[in-house]
Amino acid sequence: MKALMLGLTLLVLLMPASAQQGGERGLDNVLELVRDMPVEQSLRQATASALRDAVPAGRASPEVAYRYVSLARDLPPAEATSALQTLRAGLEGGLLVDRLMNEALKGDAMSLPWDQIGGVLELRLAFLLAARSEIGELQLGVEVCPQTLRQATLEVGWAASDHVLQQESPDDVAGMTSRAAERLVRLRGAAPCPDTVDAVLEALTHELVGQIAARALAQKEN
């Protein structure tokens, strides 16, 4: 055991400083990257302001945001602008954005071009914002937990966008509803407020999902 611990200690000492600090990135590190982005100052400022609100609230994790902004910073200016606009819109829309950012990081790891990654993000974002709007207008009949409601909203929007991204017909509302219900059932087992998930499940009608899809697709066309 002592030999193992000594070996691990030596490994840490020999690691580059950047690797040792990789798990210690905080909001200030992310904001520093945003300040260096090759985009308009107004977009940098708006994104930084949204991050200052979202990170302490648990809607974005600094490590994922750091990796996403690092990716965006290395893009050409037009694509960097698109990447930051997507992040800003998700943050200002009150979404949990880690999954959205991770989608981009996964695409980059697969060496996909940004126009393809960006197209997926735009569709995801449209569905997530539509789900937030439609579900936010519901009278759920319980005292909801805001963070669990955000998680449930994320699952509904993600399921519906999965359906479209997999080349299924957006008119297949039953298929989208089934996907969303499956995700909510899984979420219920892990969410801190299962009553909130149950309320969304009860409200998850074909009509609701159809409204989400229509709103998202209309937004994406504009």
Protein backbone atom coordinates (compact mmCIF):
# COMPACT_ATOMS: atom_id res chain seq x y z
CA MET A 1 0.00 0.00 0.00
CA LYS A 2 2.83 2.42 0.85
CA ALA A 3 4.47 1.67 -2.49
CA LEU A 4 1.20 2.36 -4.29
CA MET A 5 0.72 5.67 -2.49
CA LEU A 6 4.31 6.68 -3.23
CA GLY A 7 3.77 5.88 -6.89
CA LEU A 8 0.59 7.95 -7.04
CA THR A 9 2.34 10.86 -5.30
CA LEU A 10 5.18 10.78 -7.81
CA LEU A 11 2.69 10.64 -10.67
CA VAL A 12 0.93 13.76 -9.43
CA LEU A 13 4.24 15.59 -8.97
CA LEU A 14 5.31 14.70 -12.50
CA MET A 15 2.02 15.78 -14.07
CA PRO A 16 1.95 19.14 -15.83
CA ALA A 17 0.44 21.90 -13.75
CA SER A 18 -2.46 22.26 -16.19
CA ALA A 19 -3.40 18.62 -15.71
CA GLN A 20 -3.24 18.92 -11.93
CA GLN A 21 -5.52 21.94 -12.05
CA GLY A 22 -7.92 20.46 -14.60
CA GLY A 23 -10.55 19.65 -12.00
CA GLU A 24 -10.21 22.98 -10.18
CA ARG A 25 -11.50 25.35 -12.82
CA GLY A 26 -14.03 27.76 -11.46
CA LEU A 27 -16.31 30.48 -12.74
CA ASP A 28 -13.47 33.02 -12.90
CA ASN A 29 -11.53 30.74 -15.28
CA VAL A 30 -14.57 30.47 -17.56
CA LEU A 31 -15.15 34.22 -17.52
CA GLU A 32 -11.52 34.82 -18.44
CA LEU A 33 -11.95 32.61 -21.51
CA VAL A 34 -15.15 34.41 -22.46
CA ARG A 35 -13.35 37.76 -22.28
CA ASP A 36 -10.82 36.46 -24.84
CA MET A 37 -13.44 35.23 -27.32
CA PRO A 38 -13.19 36.62 -30.89
CA VAL A 39 -16.78 37.91 -30.80
CA GLU A 40 -18.55 41.22 -30.22
CA GLN A 41 -18.13 42.75 -26.80
CA SER A 42 -21.89 42.85 -26.20
CA LEU A 43 -22.12 39.08 -26.66
CA ARG A 44 -19.15 38.48 -24.35
CA GLN A 45 -20.67 40.68 -21.67
CA ALA A 46 -24.13 39.13 -21.94
CA THR A 47 -22.72 35.60 -21.78
CA ALA A 48 -20.52 36.45 -18.80
CA SER A 49 -23.48 37.96 -16.97
CA ALA A 50 -25.62 34.88 -17.68
CA LEU A 51 -22.84 32.59 -16.43
CA ARG A 52 -22.54 34.57 -13.18
CA ASP A 53 -26.21 33.84 -12.55
CA ALA A 54 -26.29 30.23 -13.76
CA VAL A 55 -23.17 28.69 -12.22
CA PRO A 56 -23.99 29.48 -8.56
CA ALA A 57 -27.56 28.29 -9.21
CA GLY A 58 -26.30 24.91 -10.43
CA ARG A 59 -27.53 25.35 -14.00
CA ALA A 60 -24.02 25.13 -15.47
CA SER A 61 -20.86 23.52 -14.13
CA PRO A 62 -17.61 25.48 -14.49
CA GLU A 63 -15.62 22.52 -15.82
CA VAL A 64 -18.02 21.75 -18.67
CA ALA A 65 -18.42 25.45 -19.45
CA TYR A 66 -14.63 25.86 -19.51
CA ARG A 67 -14.24 23.03 -22.02
CA TYR A 68 -17.09 24.33 -24.18
CA VAL A 69 -15.82 27.91 -24.26
CA SER A 70 -12.29 26.60 -24.98
CA LEU A 71 -13.69 24.78 -27.98
CA ALA A 72 -15.63 27.84 -29.11
CA ARG A 73 -12.64 30.16 -28.69
CA ASP A 74 -10.64 28.14 -31.22
CA LEU A 75 -13.34 28.38 -33.89
CA PRO A 76 -13.42 31.01 -36.65
CA PRO A 77 -15.17 34.20 -35.50
CA ALA A 78 -18.55 33.47 -37.14
CA GLU A 79 -18.68 29.98 -35.66
CA ALA A 80 -17.41 31.19 -32.29
CA THR A 81 -20.24 33.71 -32.28
CA SER A 82 -22.75 30.95 -33.02
CA ALA A 83 -21.38 28.79 -30.21
CA LEU A 84 -21.51 31.60 -27.67
CA GLN A 85 -24.99 32.70 -28.80
CA THR A 86 -26.25 29.17 -28.20
CA LEU A 87 -24.76 29.11 -24.70
CA ARG A 88 -26.13 32.55 -23.89
CA ALA A 89 -29.63 31.64 -25.11
CA GLY A 90 -29.68 28.48 -23.00
CA LEU A 91 -28.45 30.31 -19.91
CA GLU A 92 -30.83 33.23 -20.29
CA GLY A 93 -33.65 30.77 -20.95
CA GLY A 94 -33.15 29.29 -17.50
CA LEU A 95 -32.05 25.89 -18.82
CA LEU A 96 -29.67 23.34 -17.40
CA VAL A 97 -26.99 23.64 -20.07
CA ASP A 98 -24.34 21.02 -19.26
CA ARG A 99 -25.93 18.38 -21.48
CA LEU A 100 -26.15 20.85 -24.35
CA MET A 101 -22.48 21.78 -24.00
CA ASN A 102 -21.47 18.14 -23.69
CA GLU A 103 -23.27 17.45 -26.96
CA ALA A 104 -20.91 19.87 -28.67
CA LEU A 105 -17.86 18.41 -26.94
CA LYS A 106 -18.87 14.91 -28.02
CA GLY A 107 -19.24 16.07 -31.61
CA ASP A 108 -15.85 17.74 -31.50
CA ALA A 109 -14.27 14.55 -30.12
CA MET A 110 -15.74 12.76 -33.16
CA SER A 111 -14.10 15.39 -35.43
CA LEU A 112 -17.46 16.59 -36.73
CA PRO A 113 -17.46 20.01 -38.43
CA TRP A 114 -18.94 22.86 -36.44
CA ASP A 115 -21.77 23.47 -38.92
CA GLN A 116 -23.02 19.97 -38.14
CA ILE A 117 -22.49 20.34 -34.39
CA GLY A 118 -24.08 23.78 -34.41
CA GLY A 119 -27.11 22.53 -36.31
CA VAL A 120 -27.73 19.86 -33.69
CA LEU A 121 -27.32 22.39 -30.88
CA GLU A 122 -29.76 24.80 -32.50
CA LEU A 123 -32.40 22.10 -32.78
CA ARG A 124 -31.80 20.90 -29.23
CA LEU A 125 -31.98 24.45 -27.92
CA ALA A 126 -35.23 25.17 -29.76
CA PHE A 127 -36.88 22.08 -28.25
CA LEU A 128 -35.53 22.76 -24.77
CA LEU A 129 -36.76 26.34 -24.78
CA ALA A 130 -40.12 25.28 -26.18
CA ALA A 131 -40.47 22.62 -23.49
CA ARG A 132 -39.61 25.15 -20.81
CA SER A 133 -42.21 27.60 -22.12
CA GLU A 134 -45.01 25.06 -22.52
CA ILE A 135 -44.40 23.21 -19.26
CA GLY A 136 -43.90 26.50 -17.44
CA GLU A 137 -47.43 27.52 -18.39
CA LEU A 138 -48.98 24.42 -16.80
CA GLN A 139 -50.80 24.31 -13.49
CA LEU A 140 -49.18 21.17 -12.11
CA GLY A 141 -51.21 20.99 -8.91
CA VAL A 142 -48.22 20.41 -6.61
CA GLU A 143 -45.58 22.57 -5.02
CA VAL A 144 -42.79 21.97 -7.51
CA CYS A 145 -39.06 21.88 -6.83
CA PRO A 146 -37.52 24.31 -9.35
CA GLN A 147 -34.38 22.26 -10.02
CA THR A 148 -36.33 19.03 -10.49
CA LEU A 149 -38.75 20.85 -12.79
CA ARG A 150 -35.76 22.03 -14.85
CA GLN A 151 -34.53 18.44 -15.04
CA ALA A 152 -37.95 17.19 -16.12
CA THR A 153 -38.21 19.94 -18.72
CA LEU A 154 -34.77 18.99 -20.02
CA GLU A 155 -35.80 15.36 -20.39
CA VAL A 156 -38.97 16.21 -22.30
CA GLY A 157 -37.23 18.59 -24.69
CA TRP A 158 -34.31 16.23 -25.17
CA ALA A 159 -36.57 13.28 -25.92
CA ALA A 160 -38.56 15.24 -28.50
CA SER A 161 -35.40 16.52 -30.21
CA ASP A 162 -33.95 12.98 -30.19
CA HIS A 163 -37.01 11.91 -32.15
CA VAL A 164 -36.46 14.54 -34.84
CA LEU A 165 -32.68 14.10 -34.99
CA GLN A 166 -33.16 10.39 -35.61
CA GLN A 167 -35.13 11.29 -38.74
CA GLU A 168 -38.49 10.36 -37.26
CA SER A 169 -41.49 12.42 -38.35
CA PRO A 170 -42.24 15.44 -36.15
CA ASP A 171 -45.90 14.59 -36.79
CA ASP A 172 -45.44 11.39 -34.80
CA VAL A 173 -46.51 13.02 -31.55
CA ALA A 174 -47.24 9.66 -29.93
CA GLY A 175 -43.64 8.56 -30.53
CA MET A 176 -42.24 11.74 -29.03
CA THR A 177 -44.55 11.47 -26.03
CA SER A 178 -43.50 7.87 -25.42
CA ARG A 179 -39.81 8.82 -25.51
CA ALA A 180 -40.41 11.69 -23.10
CA ALA A 181 -42.37 9.51 -20.68
CA GLU A 182 -39.58 6.93 -20.62
CA ARG A 183 -37.04 9.60 -19.72
CA LEU A 184 -39.25 11.02 -16.99
CA VAL A 185 -39.75 7.58 -15.45
CA ARG A 186 -35.98 7.15 -15.28
CA LEU A 187 -35.59 10.63 -13.83
CA ARG A 188 -38.17 9.90 -11.15
CA GLY A 189 -35.88 7.29 -9.58
CA ALA A 190 -33.05 9.80 -9.17
CA ALA A 191 -34.72 13.19 -8.73
CA PRO A 192 -34.83 14.74 -5.25
CA CYS A 193 -38.51 15.69 -5.74
CA PRO A 194 -40.33 12.77 -7.40
CA ASP A 195 -43.70 14.49 -6.86
CA THR A 196 -42.62 17.15 -9.33
CA VAL A 197 -41.72 14.51 -11.91
CA ASP A 198 -45.04 12.76 -11.32
CA ALA A 199 -46.88 16.01 -11.97
CA VAL A 200 -45.08 16.52 -15.29
CA LEU A 201 -45.75 12.90 -16.23
CA GLU A 202 -49.44 13.37 -15.55
CA ALA A 203 -49.48 16.51 -17.70
CA LEU A 204 -47.53 14.85 -20.54
CA THR A 205 -50.28 14.57 -23.13
CA HIS A 206 -49.98 14.24 -26.89
CA GLU A 207 -51.37 17.75 -27.13
CA LEU A 208 -48.62 19.17 -24.90
CA VAL A 209 -45.82 17.44 -26.78
CA GLY A 210 -47.34 18.49 -30.10
CA GLN A 211 -47.33 22.10 -28.93
CA ILE A 212 -43.70 21.79 -27.87
CA ALA A 213 -42.69 20.37 -31.27
CA ALA A 214 -44.65 23.01 -33.20
CA ARG A 215 -43.18 25.82 -31.14
CA ALA A 216 -39.63 24.49 -31.46
CA LEU A 217 -39.77 23.95 -35.22
CA ALA A 218 -41.36 27.35 -35.79
CA GLN A 219 -38.63 28.99 -33.71
CA LYS A 220 -35.90 27.17 -35.61
CA GLU A 221 -37.29 28.36 -38.94
CA ASN A 222 -37.25 32.01 -37.84
